[in-house]
Amino acid sequence: MADLYLASLSPRRRELLAQVGVYPKLVRVAVDERPKPAEAAADFVQRLAVEKAMAGSKVLGHGAKAPVLAADTAVVVDGGIMGKPEGREHALRMLRKLSGSTHQVFTGVALVCNSVRTRLSVSEIRLRPISSDEAEAYWASGEPRDKAGGYAIQGLGAIFVSSIKGSYSGVVGLPLLETADLLQGCGIRLLQTPAERCRHEESGAALGGAE
């Protein structure tokens, strides 16, 4: 069974893979994560996922055969991509826009395994109304700072979520149904044994120089 590399240092994606018994090695990559002019959200997240996976293969070395997995997530409101907050005021504006409304979360997944294969997950989230005091307290918690859309469904932000239609794991950052399909198509076995887990953890130091 070939080693799987994850082109991400996201602890959330590692936890999701561990949930289905997959323990990748890590590879650091750096790509330009800005959307292109008029780029659709579905195209944006899939393009970035592919670029990250390809960058991971490049870090591993010319001609590397090891499979590399990558993903990218975007929050979309009224057709526009909502990035990560640039500061307090920006985060509060984001929360005001999301408050009491429905938005979409797009996550693209890419796997380099001989060829490049991709999958797309789209989920619909509705947030209850968020008061100004709640938004301020949420910002003060520190959680929104590096989150697309300025909130985290797997963290404190869960108290704002009134409904979800689609993939919870996709909203967190790695849709497990689609990811499992890609991995199995590449011969990566899910539900690995404890012994295999220990082997991967012992050799799990991240490669590459970019954060």
N, C-alpha and C. Protein backbone atom coordinates (compact mmCIF):
# COMPACT_ATOMS: atom_id res chain seq x y z
N MET A 1 0.84 -1.20 0.00
CA MET A 1 0.00 0.00 0.00
C MET A 1 0.87 1.24 0.00
N ALA A 2 0.66 2.15 -0.96
CA ALA A 2 1.48 3.35 -1.07
C ALA A 2 1.17 4.32 0.06
N ASP A 3 2.19 5.07 0.48
CA ASP A 3 1.96 6.13 1.46
C ASP A 3 1.15 7.25 0.81
N LEU A 4 0.25 7.82 1.58
CA LEU A 4 -0.52 8.97 1.12
C LEU A 4 0.06 10.23 1.74
N TYR A 5 0.19 11.27 0.93
CA TYR A 5 0.64 12.57 1.43
C TYR A 5 -0.53 13.55 1.38
N LEU A 6 -0.63 14.38 2.40
CA LEU A 6 -1.65 15.42 2.47
C LEU A 6 -0.98 16.77 2.32
N ALA A 7 -1.35 17.50 1.26
CA ALA A 7 -0.75 18.80 1.00
C ALA A 7 -1.52 19.87 1.77
N SER A 8 -1.44 19.76 3.08
CA SER A 8 -2.13 20.69 3.98
C SER A 8 -1.61 20.45 5.38
N LEU A 9 -1.49 21.53 6.15
CA LEU A 9 -1.15 21.38 7.56
C LEU A 9 -2.37 21.57 8.45
N SER A 10 -3.55 21.56 7.84
CA SER A 10 -4.80 21.75 8.58
C SER A 10 -5.05 20.59 9.53
N PRO A 11 -5.11 20.85 10.84
CA PRO A 11 -5.42 19.77 11.77
C PRO A 11 -6.82 19.22 11.54
N ARG A 12 -7.72 20.03 11.03
CA ARG A 12 -9.10 19.57 10.80
C ARG A 12 -9.12 18.49 9.72
N ARG A 13 -8.36 18.68 8.66
CA ARG A 13 -8.35 17.68 7.59
C ARG A 13 -7.68 16.39 8.06
N ARG A 14 -6.64 16.52 8.86
CA ARG A 14 -6.00 15.32 9.40
C ARG A 14 -6.97 14.55 10.30
N GLU A 15 -7.73 15.28 11.12
CA GLU A 15 -8.69 14.62 12.01
C GLU A 15 -9.79 13.91 11.22
N LEU A 16 -10.23 14.53 10.13
CA LEU A 16 -11.27 13.91 9.31
C LEU A 16 -10.75 12.64 8.65
N LEU A 17 -9.52 12.67 8.16
CA LEU A 17 -8.95 11.46 7.56
C LEU A 17 -8.78 10.37 8.61
N ALA A 18 -8.34 10.76 9.81
CA ALA A 18 -8.19 9.78 10.89
C ALA A 18 -9.53 9.15 11.24
N GLN A 19 -10.60 9.91 11.08
CA GLN A 19 -11.95 9.41 11.38
C GLN A 19 -12.30 8.20 10.54
N VAL A 20 -11.73 8.13 9.32
CA VAL A 20 -12.01 6.98 8.45
C VAL A 20 -10.79 6.06 8.35
N GLY A 21 -9.86 6.20 9.30
CA GLY A 21 -8.74 5.28 9.38
C GLY A 21 -7.66 5.50 8.34
N VAL A 22 -7.43 6.75 7.97
CA VAL A 22 -6.37 7.10 7.02
C VAL A 22 -5.42 8.08 7.69
N TYR A 23 -4.13 7.78 7.64
CA TYR A 23 -3.13 8.57 8.37
C TYR A 23 -2.02 9.00 7.42
N PRO A 24 -2.20 10.15 6.76
CA PRO A 24 -1.23 10.58 5.75
C PRO A 24 0.03 11.18 6.36
N LYS A 25 1.07 11.20 5.56
CA LYS A 25 2.22 12.03 5.85
C LYS A 25 1.88 13.44 5.34
N LEU A 26 2.56 14.45 5.86
CA LEU A 26 2.24 15.82 5.51
C LEU A 26 3.31 16.42 4.60
N VAL A 27 2.86 17.29 3.72
CA VAL A 27 3.78 18.03 2.87
C VAL A 27 3.32 19.47 2.81
N ARG A 28 4.22 20.39 3.12
CA ARG A 28 3.89 21.82 3.10
C ARG A 28 3.93 22.35 1.67
N VAL A 29 2.94 23.16 1.34
CA VAL A 29 2.91 23.78 0.01
C VAL A 29 2.50 25.24 0.17
N ALA A 30 2.82 26.02 -0.84
CA ALA A 30 2.41 27.43 -0.87
C ALA A 30 1.89 27.75 -2.26
N VAL A 31 0.64 28.15 -2.36
CA VAL A 31 0.06 28.55 -3.64
C VAL A 31 -0.69 29.87 -3.44
N ASP A 32 -0.89 30.59 -4.52
CA ASP A 32 -1.66 31.83 -4.49
C ASP A 32 -3.13 31.46 -4.37
N GLU A 33 -3.75 31.83 -3.25
CA GLU A 33 -5.13 31.41 -2.99
C GLU A 33 -6.16 32.48 -3.37
N ARG A 34 -5.77 33.43 -4.17
CA ARG A 34 -6.73 34.46 -4.61
C ARG A 34 -7.54 33.95 -5.80
N PRO A 35 -8.85 34.21 -5.80
CA PRO A 35 -9.65 33.81 -6.97
C PRO A 35 -9.32 34.68 -8.18
N LYS A 36 -9.48 34.10 -9.35
CA LYS A 36 -9.31 34.86 -10.58
C LYS A 36 -10.55 35.71 -10.83
N PRO A 37 -10.42 36.78 -11.62
CA PRO A 37 -11.59 37.63 -11.90
C PRO A 37 -12.74 36.81 -12.48
N ALA A 38 -13.90 36.97 -11.88
CA ALA A 38 -15.14 36.32 -12.33
C ALA A 38 -15.08 34.79 -12.26
N GLU A 39 -14.15 34.25 -11.48
CA GLU A 39 -14.04 32.80 -11.35
C GLU A 39 -15.16 32.26 -10.48
N ALA A 40 -15.87 31.26 -10.97
CA ALA A 40 -16.95 30.64 -10.21
C ALA A 40 -16.38 29.88 -9.02
N ALA A 41 -17.16 29.81 -7.95
CA ALA A 41 -16.68 29.17 -6.73
C ALA A 41 -16.30 27.71 -6.97
N ALA A 42 -17.10 26.98 -7.74
CA ALA A 42 -16.80 25.57 -8.01
C ALA A 42 -15.46 25.42 -8.72
N ASP A 43 -15.21 26.30 -9.69
CA ASP A 43 -13.93 26.27 -10.42
C ASP A 43 -12.78 26.67 -9.51
N PHE A 44 -13.02 27.66 -8.67
CA PHE A 44 -11.99 28.18 -7.77
C PHE A 44 -11.48 27.11 -6.81
N VAL A 45 -12.39 26.44 -6.10
CA VAL A 45 -11.94 25.47 -5.09
C VAL A 45 -11.30 24.25 -5.74
N GLN A 46 -11.80 23.84 -6.90
CA GLN A 46 -11.19 22.70 -7.57
C GLN A 46 -9.83 23.05 -8.15
N ARG A 47 -9.70 24.25 -8.68
CA ARG A 47 -8.40 24.69 -9.21
C ARG A 47 -7.36 24.74 -8.10
N LEU A 48 -7.72 25.33 -6.97
CA LEU A 48 -6.76 25.42 -5.87
C LEU A 48 -6.40 24.05 -5.32
N ALA A 49 -7.38 23.16 -5.23
CA ALA A 49 -7.09 21.81 -4.75
C ALA A 49 -6.09 21.13 -5.67
N VAL A 50 -6.26 21.27 -6.97
CA VAL A 50 -5.33 20.69 -7.93
C VAL A 50 -3.95 21.32 -7.80
N GLU A 51 -3.90 22.65 -7.70
CA GLU A 51 -2.61 23.34 -7.58
C GLU A 51 -1.87 22.90 -6.32
N LYS A 52 -2.58 22.74 -5.23
CA LYS A 52 -1.95 22.30 -3.98
C LYS A 52 -1.43 20.86 -4.11
N ALA A 53 -2.24 19.99 -4.70
CA ALA A 53 -1.81 18.61 -4.85
C ALA A 53 -0.60 18.51 -5.77
N MET A 54 -0.60 19.27 -6.87
CA MET A 54 0.53 19.27 -7.79
C MET A 54 1.77 19.85 -7.12
N ALA A 55 1.58 20.90 -6.32
CA ALA A 55 2.71 21.48 -5.59
C ALA A 55 3.29 20.47 -4.61
N GLY A 56 2.43 19.69 -3.99
CA GLY A 56 2.89 18.64 -3.08
C GLY A 56 3.73 17.61 -3.80
N SER A 57 3.30 17.21 -4.98
CA SER A 57 4.07 16.26 -5.78
C SER A 57 5.43 16.83 -6.15
N LYS A 58 5.46 18.14 -6.43
CA LYS A 58 6.73 18.78 -6.79
C LYS A 58 7.68 18.78 -5.60
N VAL A 59 7.16 19.04 -4.40
CA VAL A 59 8.00 19.01 -3.20
C VAL A 59 8.60 17.63 -2.99
N LEU A 60 7.83 16.59 -3.28
CA LEU A 60 8.29 15.23 -3.07
C LEU A 60 9.40 14.84 -4.05
N GLY A 61 9.47 15.54 -5.16
CA GLY A 61 10.56 15.29 -6.09
C GLY A 61 10.10 14.89 -7.47
N HIS A 62 10.94 15.16 -8.44
CA HIS A 62 10.64 14.87 -9.84
C HIS A 62 10.35 13.38 -10.01
N GLY A 63 9.24 13.08 -10.64
CA GLY A 63 8.89 11.69 -10.90
C GLY A 63 8.30 10.95 -9.72
N ALA A 64 7.98 11.68 -8.64
CA ALA A 64 7.43 11.01 -7.46
C ALA A 64 6.12 10.31 -7.81
N LYS A 65 5.97 9.09 -7.31
CA LYS A 65 4.77 8.30 -7.59
C LYS A 65 3.79 8.28 -6.42
N ALA A 66 4.18 8.83 -5.28
CA ALA A 66 3.32 8.78 -4.10
C ALA A 66 2.06 9.62 -4.34
N PRO A 67 0.88 9.11 -3.97
CA PRO A 67 -0.35 9.89 -4.12
C PRO A 67 -0.37 11.08 -3.16
N VAL A 68 -0.86 12.21 -3.66
CA VAL A 68 -0.93 13.44 -2.87
C VAL A 68 -2.37 13.95 -2.91
N LEU A 69 -2.91 14.20 -1.72
CA LEU A 69 -4.29 14.68 -1.57
C LEU A 69 -4.27 16.14 -1.15
N ALA A 70 -5.21 16.92 -1.66
CA ALA A 70 -5.33 18.32 -1.26
C ALA A 70 -6.79 18.75 -1.37
N ALA A 71 -7.13 19.83 -0.68
CA ALA A 71 -8.51 20.32 -0.71
C ALA A 71 -8.51 21.83 -0.51
N ASP A 72 -9.60 22.45 -0.91
CA ASP A 72 -9.79 23.88 -0.66
C ASP A 72 -11.27 24.15 -0.45
N THR A 73 -11.57 25.08 0.45
CA THR A 73 -12.95 25.37 0.83
C THR A 73 -13.25 26.86 0.67
N ALA A 74 -14.44 27.17 0.21
CA ALA A 74 -14.87 28.56 0.08
C ALA A 74 -16.30 28.71 0.56
N VAL A 75 -16.56 29.80 1.27
CA VAL A 75 -17.92 30.18 1.67
C VAL A 75 -18.44 31.14 0.62
N VAL A 76 -19.65 30.89 0.15
CA VAL A 76 -20.22 31.68 -0.95
C VAL A 76 -21.54 32.29 -0.51
N VAL A 77 -21.64 33.61 -0.67
CA VAL A 77 -22.85 34.35 -0.32
C VAL A 77 -23.29 35.16 -1.54
N ASP A 78 -24.51 34.94 -1.97
CA ASP A 78 -25.04 35.65 -3.14
C ASP A 78 -24.11 35.54 -4.34
N GLY A 79 -23.51 34.38 -4.51
CA GLY A 79 -22.65 34.13 -5.66
C GLY A 79 -21.23 34.61 -5.50
N GLY A 80 -20.93 35.33 -4.40
CA GLY A 80 -19.59 35.87 -4.19
C GLY A 80 -18.81 35.05 -3.17
N ILE A 81 -17.51 34.89 -3.43
CA ILE A 81 -16.66 34.12 -2.53
C ILE A 81 -16.27 34.99 -1.33
N MET A 82 -16.51 34.47 -0.15
CA MET A 82 -16.18 35.18 1.08
C MET A 82 -14.92 34.54 1.66
N GLY A 83 -13.83 35.28 1.72
CA GLY A 83 -12.56 34.74 2.19
C GLY A 83 -12.44 34.74 3.70
N LYS A 84 -11.19 34.81 4.17
CA LYS A 84 -10.93 34.86 5.61
C LYS A 84 -10.93 36.32 6.07
N PRO A 85 -11.37 36.59 7.29
CA PRO A 85 -11.42 37.98 7.75
C PRO A 85 -10.03 38.59 7.86
N GLU A 86 -9.94 39.85 7.48
CA GLU A 86 -8.66 40.58 7.54
C GLU A 86 -8.45 41.26 8.88
N GLY A 87 -9.48 41.28 9.69
CA GLY A 87 -9.40 41.91 11.00
C GLY A 87 -10.77 41.94 11.64
N ARG A 88 -10.85 42.60 12.80
CA ARG A 88 -12.09 42.60 13.58
C ARG A 88 -13.27 43.15 12.78
N GLU A 89 -13.13 44.34 12.21
CA GLU A 89 -14.26 44.95 11.51
C GLU A 89 -14.72 44.11 10.33
N HIS A 90 -13.76 43.55 9.62
CA HIS A 90 -14.10 42.69 8.48
C HIS A 90 -14.86 41.46 8.95
N ALA A 91 -14.40 40.85 10.05
CA ALA A 91 -15.07 39.66 10.59
C ALA A 91 -16.49 39.98 11.03
N LEU A 92 -16.67 41.13 11.68
CA LEU A 92 -18.01 41.51 12.14
C LEU A 92 -18.94 41.77 10.96
N ARG A 93 -18.41 42.35 9.88
CA ARG A 93 -19.22 42.55 8.67
C ARG A 93 -19.64 41.21 8.08
N MET A 94 -18.70 40.26 8.07
CA MET A 94 -19.02 38.92 7.57
C MET A 94 -20.16 38.29 8.37
N LEU A 95 -20.04 38.35 9.68
CA LEU A 95 -21.06 37.74 10.53
C LEU A 95 -22.41 38.42 10.36
N ARG A 96 -22.40 39.73 10.18
CA ARG A 96 -23.67 40.45 9.95
C ARG A 96 -24.31 39.98 8.64
N LYS A 97 -23.47 39.74 7.62
CA LYS A 97 -23.99 39.31 6.33
C LYS A 97 -24.54 37.88 6.39
N LEU A 98 -23.89 37.03 7.17
CA LEU A 98 -24.33 35.65 7.29
C LEU A 98 -25.51 35.48 8.25
N SER A 99 -25.65 36.42 9.18
CA SER A 99 -26.67 36.32 10.23
C SER A 99 -28.08 36.18 9.66
N GLY A 100 -28.78 35.15 10.11
CA GLY A 100 -30.17 34.97 9.71
C GLY A 100 -30.37 34.64 8.25
N SER A 101 -29.34 34.15 7.58
CA SER A 101 -29.45 33.89 6.15
C SER A 101 -28.82 32.55 5.79
N THR A 102 -28.96 32.19 4.52
CA THR A 102 -28.43 30.94 4.00
C THR A 102 -27.26 31.21 3.07
N HIS A 103 -26.22 30.39 3.20
CA HIS A 103 -25.07 30.51 2.30
C HIS A 103 -24.63 29.11 1.88
N GLN A 104 -23.70 29.06 0.96
CA GLN A 104 -23.17 27.79 0.47
C GLN A 104 -21.70 27.63 0.86
N VAL A 105 -21.29 26.38 1.03
CA VAL A 105 -19.89 26.06 1.25
C VAL A 105 -19.45 25.08 0.16
N PHE A 106 -18.46 25.49 -0.62
CA PHE A 106 -17.91 24.66 -1.69
C PHE A 106 -16.56 24.11 -1.23
N THR A 107 -16.35 22.82 -1.38
CA THR A 107 -15.04 22.23 -1.11
C THR A 107 -14.63 21.36 -2.29
N GLY A 108 -13.46 21.69 -2.84
CA GLY A 108 -12.89 20.89 -3.91
C GLY A 108 -11.82 19.98 -3.34
N VAL A 109 -11.76 18.76 -3.84
CA VAL A 109 -10.76 17.78 -3.42
C VAL A 109 -10.03 17.30 -4.66
N ALA A 110 -8.70 17.19 -4.56
CA ALA A 110 -7.90 16.68 -5.67
C ALA A 110 -6.93 15.63 -5.17
N LEU A 111 -6.72 14.61 -5.99
CA LEU A 111 -5.75 13.56 -5.67
C LEU A 111 -4.87 13.32 -6.88
N VAL A 112 -3.56 13.51 -6.68
CA VAL A 112 -2.59 13.16 -7.72
C VAL A 112 -2.22 11.70 -7.51
N CYS A 113 -2.59 10.88 -8.46
CA CYS A 113 -2.31 9.44 -8.38
C CYS A 113 -2.22 8.94 -9.82
N ASN A 114 -1.03 9.04 -10.40
CA ASN A 114 -0.80 8.82 -11.83
C ASN A 114 -1.43 9.96 -12.63
N SER A 115 -2.73 10.11 -12.56
CA SER A 115 -3.41 11.27 -13.12
C SER A 115 -3.93 12.13 -11.98
N VAL A 116 -4.57 13.25 -12.31
CA VAL A 116 -5.17 14.12 -11.30
C VAL A 116 -6.67 13.93 -11.32
N ARG A 117 -7.23 13.58 -10.18
CA ARG A 117 -8.66 13.35 -10.08
C ARG A 117 -9.26 14.35 -9.09
N THR A 118 -10.46 14.80 -9.38
CA THR A 118 -11.08 15.82 -8.52
C THR A 118 -12.52 15.44 -8.16
N ARG A 119 -12.97 16.00 -7.06
CA ARG A 119 -14.36 15.89 -6.65
C ARG A 119 -14.79 17.24 -6.07
N LEU A 120 -16.08 17.49 -6.07
CA LEU A 120 -16.63 18.74 -5.55
C LEU A 120 -17.78 18.44 -4.60
N SER A 121 -17.79 19.12 -3.47
CA SER A 121 -18.88 19.02 -2.51
C SER A 121 -19.49 20.41 -2.33
N VAL A 122 -20.81 20.49 -2.37
CA VAL A 122 -21.51 21.76 -2.16
C VAL A 122 -22.57 21.56 -1.08
N SER A 123 -22.51 22.36 -0.04
CA SER A 123 -23.46 22.27 1.06
C SER A 123 -24.13 23.61 1.29
N GLU A 124 -25.31 23.56 1.89
CA GLU A 124 -26.08 24.77 2.17
C GLU A 124 -26.25 24.91 3.68
N ILE A 125 -25.86 26.05 4.20
CA ILE A 125 -25.90 26.30 5.65
C ILE A 125 -26.80 27.50 5.93
N ARG A 126 -27.61 27.36 6.96
CA ARG A 126 -28.39 28.52 7.42
C ARG A 126 -27.96 28.85 8.84
N LEU A 127 -27.64 30.13 9.06
CA LEU A 127 -27.30 30.61 10.39
C LEU A 127 -28.48 31.35 10.99
N ARG A 128 -28.68 31.18 12.27
CA ARG A 128 -29.72 31.94 12.97
C ARG A 128 -29.24 33.39 13.09
N PRO A 129 -30.13 34.32 13.47
CA PRO A 129 -29.69 35.70 13.70
C PRO A 129 -28.62 35.76 14.78
N ILE A 130 -27.58 36.53 14.53
CA ILE A 130 -26.45 36.69 15.46
C ILE A 130 -26.45 38.12 15.97
N SER A 131 -26.52 38.29 17.29
CA SER A 131 -26.55 39.64 17.85
C SER A 131 -25.16 40.27 17.78
N SER A 132 -25.12 41.58 17.93
CA SER A 132 -23.85 42.29 17.91
C SER A 132 -22.94 41.84 19.05
N ASP A 133 -23.52 41.63 20.22
CA ASP A 133 -22.74 41.16 21.37
C ASP A 133 -22.16 39.78 21.11
N GLU A 134 -22.94 38.90 20.49
CA GLU A 134 -22.45 37.56 20.19
C GLU A 134 -21.31 37.62 19.17
N ALA A 135 -21.47 38.47 18.17
CA ALA A 135 -20.43 38.59 17.15
C ALA A 135 -19.13 39.10 17.77
N GLU A 136 -19.25 40.08 18.65
CA GLU A 136 -18.05 40.61 19.33
C GLU A 136 -17.40 39.54 20.19
N ALA A 137 -18.21 38.80 20.93
CA ALA A 137 -17.67 37.75 21.79
C ALA A 137 -17.02 36.64 20.96
N TYR A 138 -17.62 36.34 19.82
CA TYR A 138 -17.07 35.29 18.96
C TYR A 138 -15.72 35.73 18.39
N TRP A 139 -15.63 36.97 17.96
CA TRP A 139 -14.34 37.48 17.47
C TRP A 139 -13.29 37.43 18.58
N ALA A 140 -13.68 37.81 19.79
CA ALA A 140 -12.74 37.81 20.92
C ALA A 140 -12.25 36.41 21.26
N SER A 141 -13.00 35.38 20.89
CA SER A 141 -12.58 34.00 21.16
C SER A 141 -11.36 33.60 20.33
N GLY A 142 -11.13 34.31 19.24
CA GLY A 142 -10.00 33.99 18.36
C GLY A 142 -10.33 33.01 17.26
N GLU A 143 -11.46 32.33 17.34
CA GLU A 143 -11.78 31.28 16.37
C GLU A 143 -11.95 31.78 14.93
N PRO A 144 -12.57 32.95 14.70
CA PRO A 144 -12.85 33.34 13.32
C PRO A 144 -11.63 33.75 12.50
N ARG A 145 -10.49 33.98 13.13
CA ARG A 145 -9.38 34.66 12.46
C ARG A 145 -8.87 34.00 11.19
N ASP A 146 -8.83 32.67 11.14
CA ASP A 146 -8.29 32.00 9.96
C ASP A 146 -9.33 31.12 9.28
N LYS A 147 -10.60 31.48 9.45
CA LYS A 147 -11.68 30.65 8.91
C LYS A 147 -12.37 31.33 7.73
N ALA A 148 -12.55 30.58 6.65
CA ALA A 148 -13.30 31.09 5.51
C ALA A 148 -14.72 31.42 5.97
N GLY A 149 -15.16 32.62 5.65
CA GLY A 149 -16.48 33.05 6.08
C GLY A 149 -16.53 33.58 7.50
N GLY A 150 -15.40 33.46 8.22
CA GLY A 150 -15.33 34.02 9.56
C GLY A 150 -16.00 33.21 10.66
N TYR A 151 -16.28 31.91 10.39
CA TYR A 151 -16.84 31.08 11.46
C TYR A 151 -16.42 29.63 11.22
N ALA A 152 -16.51 28.81 12.28
CA ALA A 152 -16.15 27.40 12.19
C ALA A 152 -17.30 26.54 12.71
N ILE A 153 -17.87 25.72 11.84
CA ILE A 153 -19.01 24.88 12.23
C ILE A 153 -18.59 23.82 13.24
N GLN A 154 -17.30 23.44 13.24
CA GLN A 154 -16.82 22.41 14.15
C GLN A 154 -16.38 22.97 15.50
N GLY A 155 -16.49 24.28 15.66
CA GLY A 155 -16.06 24.91 16.90
C GLY A 155 -17.19 25.68 17.56
N LEU A 156 -16.83 26.82 18.17
CA LEU A 156 -17.83 27.64 18.84
C LEU A 156 -18.91 28.12 17.89
N GLY A 157 -18.55 28.27 16.62
CA GLY A 157 -19.51 28.75 15.63
C GLY A 157 -20.70 27.84 15.42
N ALA A 158 -20.63 26.62 15.94
CA ALA A 158 -21.75 25.68 15.80
C ALA A 158 -23.03 26.22 16.44
N ILE A 159 -22.90 27.10 17.43
CA ILE A 159 -24.10 27.61 18.10
C ILE A 159 -24.93 28.52 17.19
N PHE A 160 -24.34 28.96 16.07
CA PHE A 160 -25.07 29.83 15.15
C PHE A 160 -25.78 29.05 14.04
N VAL A 161 -25.46 27.77 13.89
CA VAL A 161 -25.95 26.99 12.74
C VAL A 161 -27.33 26.41 13.04
N SER A 162 -28.32 26.85 12.28
CA SER A 162 -29.68 26.34 12.49
C SER A 162 -29.99 25.15 11.59
N SER A 163 -29.32 25.04 10.43
CA SER A 163 -29.55 23.87 9.58
C SER A 163 -28.39 23.71 8.60
N ILE A 164 -28.22 22.46 8.16
CA ILE A 164 -27.22 22.15 7.15
C ILE A 164 -27.79 21.15 6.18
N LYS A 165 -27.60 21.40 4.92
CA LYS A 165 -28.03 20.48 3.87
C LYS A 165 -26.81 20.14 3.04
N GLY A 166 -26.35 18.91 3.16
CA GLY A 166 -25.16 18.51 2.43
C GLY A 166 -24.18 17.77 3.32
N SER A 167 -22.90 18.05 3.16
CA SER A 167 -21.84 17.31 3.83
C SER A 167 -21.25 18.12 4.99
N TYR A 168 -21.45 17.63 6.21
CA TYR A 168 -20.84 18.29 7.36
C TYR A 168 -19.33 18.29 7.24
N SER A 169 -18.74 17.14 6.88
CA SER A 169 -17.29 17.08 6.77
C SER A 169 -16.79 17.99 5.64
N GLY A 170 -17.60 18.17 4.61
CA GLY A 170 -17.23 19.10 3.54
C GLY A 170 -17.16 20.53 4.02
N VAL A 171 -18.09 20.89 4.91
CA VAL A 171 -18.09 22.24 5.47
C VAL A 171 -16.87 22.44 6.37
N VAL A 172 -16.49 21.40 7.11
CA VAL A 172 -15.30 21.48 7.96
C VAL A 172 -14.05 21.62 7.12
N GLY A 173 -14.03 20.99 5.93
CA GLY A 173 -12.87 21.18 5.06
C GLY A 173 -12.45 20.00 4.23
N LEU A 174 -13.11 18.82 4.40
CA LEU A 174 -12.75 17.66 3.59
C LEU A 174 -13.94 16.71 3.52
N PRO A 175 -14.71 16.73 2.44
CA PRO A 175 -15.89 15.86 2.34
C PRO A 175 -15.47 14.39 2.28
N LEU A 176 -15.85 13.62 3.29
CA LEU A 176 -15.33 12.27 3.42
C LEU A 176 -15.89 11.31 2.37
N LEU A 177 -17.12 11.48 1.95
CA LEU A 177 -17.68 10.60 0.92
C LEU A 177 -16.87 10.72 -0.37
N GLU A 178 -16.68 11.94 -0.82
CA GLU A 178 -15.95 12.17 -2.06
C GLU A 178 -14.48 11.79 -1.93
N THR A 179 -13.90 12.11 -0.76
CA THR A 179 -12.49 11.79 -0.53
C THR A 179 -12.26 10.29 -0.51
N ALA A 180 -13.13 9.57 0.17
CA ALA A 180 -13.01 8.11 0.22
C ALA A 180 -13.08 7.49 -1.17
N ASP A 181 -13.94 8.03 -2.01
CA ASP A 181 -14.06 7.54 -3.38
C ASP A 181 -12.74 7.72 -4.14
N LEU A 182 -12.13 8.90 -3.99
CA LEU A 182 -10.85 9.16 -4.64
C LEU A 182 -9.76 8.22 -4.11
N LEU A 183 -9.69 8.07 -2.80
CA LEU A 183 -8.63 7.26 -2.20
C LEU A 183 -8.76 5.79 -2.59
N GLN A 184 -9.96 5.27 -2.56
CA GLN A 184 -10.15 3.87 -2.92
C GLN A 184 -9.85 3.63 -4.39
N GLY A 185 -10.13 4.63 -5.23
CA GLY A 185 -9.81 4.52 -6.65
C GLY A 185 -8.32 4.49 -6.91
N CYS A 186 -7.54 4.96 -5.94
CA CYS A 186 -6.09 4.98 -6.05
C CYS A 186 -5.44 3.83 -5.28
N GLY A 187 -6.26 2.95 -4.69
CA GLY A 187 -5.73 1.83 -3.95
C GLY A 187 -5.34 2.14 -2.53
N ILE A 188 -5.76 3.30 -2.00
CA ILE A 188 -5.50 3.65 -0.60
C ILE A 188 -6.59 3.02 0.25
N ARG A 189 -6.19 2.17 1.16
CA ARG A 189 -7.17 1.46 1.98
C ARG A 189 -7.63 2.32 3.15
N LEU A 190 -8.91 2.35 3.36
CA LEU A 190 -9.49 3.03 4.51
C LEU A 190 -9.47 2.09 5.71
N LEU A 191 -9.83 2.61 6.88
CA LEU A 191 -9.95 1.80 8.09
C LEU A 191 -8.65 1.04 8.38
N GLN A 192 -7.55 1.77 8.40
CA GLN A 192 -6.26 1.14 8.65
C GLN A 192 -6.14 0.66 10.10
N THR A 193 -5.27 -0.31 10.32
CA THR A 193 -5.10 -0.92 11.63
C THR A 193 -4.28 -0.02 12.55
N PRO A 194 -4.35 -0.25 13.86
CA PRO A 194 -3.53 0.53 14.80
C PRO A 194 -2.03 0.47 14.48
N ALA A 195 -1.55 -0.70 14.02
CA ALA A 195 -0.13 -0.83 13.69
C ALA A 195 0.24 0.08 12.53
N GLU A 196 -0.64 0.15 11.53
CA GLU A 196 -0.39 1.03 10.39
C GLU A 196 -0.45 2.49 10.83
N ARG A 197 -1.34 2.79 11.76
CA ARG A 197 -1.43 4.14 12.28
C ARG A 197 -0.12 4.55 12.97
N CYS A 198 0.42 3.67 13.78
CA CYS A 198 1.67 3.98 14.48
C CYS A 198 2.80 4.23 13.49
N ARG A 199 2.85 3.42 12.42
CA ARG A 199 3.90 3.59 11.44
C ARG A 199 3.82 4.95 10.78
N HIS A 200 2.62 5.40 10.45
CA HIS A 200 2.46 6.69 9.81
C HIS A 200 2.76 7.83 10.78
N GLU A 201 2.36 7.69 12.03
CA GLU A 201 2.63 8.74 13.01
C GLU A 201 4.12 8.90 13.26
N GLU A 202 4.86 7.78 13.24
CA GLU A 202 6.31 7.84 13.46
C GLU A 202 7.03 8.51 12.31
N SER A 203 6.45 8.45 11.12
CA SER A 203 7.09 9.05 9.94
C SER A 203 6.30 10.24 9.41
N GLY A 204 5.52 10.87 10.28
CA GLY A 204 4.58 11.89 9.83
C GLY A 204 5.08 13.31 9.82
N ALA A 205 6.38 13.56 9.99
CA ALA A 205 6.89 14.93 9.95
C ALA A 205 6.64 15.52 8.57
N ALA A 206 6.24 16.79 8.53
CA ALA A 206 5.89 17.43 7.27
C ALA A 206 7.13 17.72 6.45
N LEU A 207 7.01 17.52 5.14
CA LEU A 207 8.06 17.87 4.20
C LEU A 207 7.75 19.23 3.60
N GLY A 208 8.79 19.90 3.09
CA GLY A 208 8.59 21.18 2.44
C GLY A 208 8.86 22.32 3.39
N GLY A 209 9.01 23.52 2.82
CA GLY A 209 9.44 24.64 3.64
C GLY A 209 8.41 25.71 3.88
N ALA A 210 7.29 25.69 3.17
CA ALA A 210 6.29 26.76 3.31
C ALA A 210 5.26 26.38 4.35
N GLU A 211 4.73 27.35 5.06
CA GLU A 211 3.66 27.09 6.02
C GLU A 211 2.33 27.09 5.31
